[in-house]
Every structure is written in structure tokens, then in C-alpha cells.
């Protein structure tokens, strides 16, 4: 049973390291403030996206009328408008769910831990 305890101890250590890593903020994520010309272009892009029939139907299904949508758009900051427009116009950017790198790293770590467990090798942390 000693081998099982080592495996679970190692798994917990890896879990806590990854949990801590997820809490550390990434550096350099600040975006520049959009210029007035960029802001107008972003507003036009946002407005054209809202004029799409599918978007209008979905917002109506959520209970939002045109007046409510416009009221919510009016309270957005320039940074919010720029971020939404960047998401709309992004081609090949990060999709919802990310790019899969975190999943790949997690799968590799799990595979490595399974190899250690089933091969009988021990990891000693002192």
C-alpha cells in the first residue's frame, strides 16, 4: 500500500502546484485605450452585429427589447466596447474554451503519473 500513498501524495502536490499556477495573473494583458476613431469603428461593428436577425431573435428570446439593448450599450465604457468589438472581429483568435494547451498539459501530467504508478517507480520529495 506504500506505493499507493506515494502516488496520491504526488498527485496532490501536482494539483496544488497547478491550482497555484492558475491563480497567478498573467503579465502584460493590458490593452491600449482605443482612439476616438477606433471607438466609432467599434461602435459601428457592434451595431451591425446587433442588426443581425439571429442576434435580435436571441436577445428577444432573452427578454431584451431594442430600447433595453440600446440602454445597455450606452453605459458601456470605451474599453468594454473595444473588447466586445475585438471578440466579434477576431478571426482565428482564442475561441471559448481556449486553445487546448491546458488540457494537453493536464493529460501529459496524468499520463506521467500513471506511468510512475504502474511501473513501480517512486518519486521521493524531501
Protein backbone atom coordinates (compact mmCIF):
# COMPACT_ATOMS: atom_id res chain seq x y z
CA UNK A 1 0.00 0.00 0.00
CA UNK A 2 3.01 2.29 0.30
CA UNK A 3 3.12 2.76 -3.45
CA UNK A 4 -0.47 3.99 -3.50
CA UNK A 5 0.29 6.60 -0.82
CA UNK A 6 3.22 7.94 -2.82
CA UNK A 7 1.07 8.21 -5.93
CA UNK A 8 -1.68 10.14 -4.19
CA UNK A 9 0.81 12.40 -2.41
CA UNK A 10 2.42 13.19 -5.77
CA UNK A 11 -0.99 13.77 -7.35
CA UNK A 12 -1.93 16.21 -4.58
CA UNK A 13 1.33 18.09 -4.96
CA UNK A 14 0.76 18.41 -8.70
CA UNK A 15 -2.82 19.51 -8.08
CA UNK A 16 -1.78 22.26 -5.68
CA UNK A 17 1.00 23.48 -7.95
CA UNK A 18 -1.44 23.72 -10.86
CA UNK A 19 -4.05 25.41 -8.68
CA UNK A 20 -1.50 27.99 -7.55
CA UNK A 21 -0.36 28.47 -11.14
CA UNK A 22 -3.95 29.21 -12.17
CA UNK A 23 -4.19 31.96 -9.54
CA UNK A 24 -1.08 33.81 -10.71
CA UNK A 25 -2.13 36.62 -13.04
CA UNK A 26 -0.60 36.73 -16.48
CA UNK A 27 1.59 39.75 -17.15
CA UNK A 28 1.01 42.17 -19.99
CA UNK A 29 -2.70 41.74 -20.57
CA UNK A 30 -3.50 45.44 -20.55
CA UNK A 31 -4.79 46.80 -23.84
CA UNK A 32 -4.22 50.34 -25.06
CA UNK A 33 -7.09 52.78 -24.80
CA UNK A 34 -8.83 52.99 -28.19
CA UNK A 35 -8.70 56.29 -30.06
CA UNK A 36 -11.95 58.12 -30.87
CA UNK A 37 -11.80 56.87 -34.47
CA UNK A 38 -11.32 53.29 -33.29
CA UNK A 39 -14.14 53.72 -30.80
CA UNK A 40 -16.53 54.86 -33.54
CA UNK A 41 -15.49 51.92 -35.73
CA UNK A 42 -16.04 49.57 -32.78
CA UNK A 43 -19.48 51.06 -32.11
CA UNK A 44 -20.39 50.62 -35.80
CA UNK A 45 -19.21 47.00 -35.74
CA UNK A 46 -21.19 46.34 -32.57
CA UNK A 47 -24.28 47.98 -34.03
CA UNK A 48 -24.02 45.96 -37.25
CA UNK A 49 -23.68 42.76 -35.22
CA UNK A 50 -26.82 43.68 -33.27
CA UNK A 51 -28.69 44.26 -36.52
CA UNK A 52 -28.19 40.60 -37.42
CA UNK A 53 -31.57 38.85 -37.38
CA UNK A 54 -30.29 35.83 -35.45
CA UNK A 55 -28.82 38.06 -32.73
CA UNK A 56 -32.02 40.10 -32.49
CA UNK A 57 -34.13 36.93 -32.17
CA UNK A 58 -31.84 35.54 -29.46
CA UNK A 59 -31.90 38.79 -27.49
CA UNK A 60 -35.68 38.94 -27.84
CA UNK A 61 -35.89 35.38 -26.54
CA UNK A 62 -33.89 36.55 -23.52
CA UNK A 63 -36.46 39.31 -22.98
CA UNK A 64 -34.42 42.26 -24.24
CA UNK A 65 -36.12 44.78 -26.48
CA UNK A 66 -34.36 47.30 -28.73
CA UNK A 67 -34.65 50.05 -26.12
CA UNK A 68 -33.12 47.89 -23.40
CA UNK A 69 -30.29 46.83 -25.69
CA UNK A 70 -29.51 50.45 -26.56
CA UNK A 71 -29.67 51.45 -22.89
CA UNK A 72 -27.16 48.75 -22.02
CA UNK A 73 -24.89 49.79 -24.87
CA UNK A 74 -24.95 53.40 -23.70
CA UNK A 75 -23.50 52.50 -20.29
CA UNK A 76 -20.54 50.52 -21.70
CA UNK A 77 -17.10 52.02 -21.23
CA UNK A 78 -14.84 52.54 -24.27
CA UNK A 79 -12.71 49.62 -23.11
CA UNK A 80 -15.77 47.36 -22.93
CA UNK A 81 -16.89 48.37 -26.41
CA UNK A 82 -13.40 47.78 -27.79
CA UNK A 83 -13.19 44.35 -26.13
CA UNK A 84 -16.59 43.28 -27.49
CA UNK A 85 -15.71 44.53 -30.98
CA UNK A 86 -12.38 42.71 -30.83
CA UNK A 87 -14.20 39.48 -29.95
CA UNK A 88 -16.64 39.97 -32.81
CA UNK A 89 -13.98 40.69 -35.41
CA UNK A 90 -11.42 38.16 -34.18
CA UNK A 91 -10.55 35.63 -36.83
CA UNK A 92 -8.50 32.71 -35.67
CA UNK A 93 -8.27 34.08 -32.15
CA UNK A 94 -8.85 32.19 -28.96
CA UNK A 95 -12.27 30.60 -29.00
CA UNK A 96 -14.42 29.88 -25.98
CA UNK A 97 -12.63 27.11 -24.16
CA UNK A 98 -9.15 28.31 -25.02
CA UNK A 99 -6.64 26.76 -27.36
CA UNK A 100 -6.38 23.39 -25.64
CA UNK A 101 -2.86 23.86 -24.25
CA UNK A 102 -4.01 23.49 -20.65
CA UNK A 103 -5.85 20.27 -21.49
CA UNK A 104 -2.76 18.90 -23.24
CA UNK A 105 -0.54 19.72 -20.25
CA UNK A 106 -3.03 18.11 -17.87
CA UNK A 107 -3.26 14.94 -19.99
CA UNK A 108 0.54 14.69 -20.15
CA UNK A 109 0.84 15.10 -16.38
CA UNK A 110 -1.80 12.45 -15.74
CA UNK A 111 -0.11 10.08 -18.21
CA UNK A 112 3.24 10.63 -16.48
CA UNK A 113 1.74 9.97 -13.05
CA UNK A 114 0.07 6.80 -14.32
CA UNK A 115 3.40 5.65 -15.77
CA UNK A 116 5.08 6.20 -12.40
CA UNK A 117 2.29 4.40 -10.56
CA UNK A 118 2.06 1.34 -12.79
CA UNK A 119 5.80 0.95 -13.39
CA UNK A 120 6.53 0.87 -9.66
CA UNK A 121 8.89 3.82 -9.81
CA UNK A 122 8.89 6.16 -6.85
CA UNK A 123 9.23 9.90 -6.64
CA UNK A 124 10.87 10.98 -3.40
CA UNK A 125 10.36 14.59 -2.40
CA UNK A 126 12.45 15.64 0.54
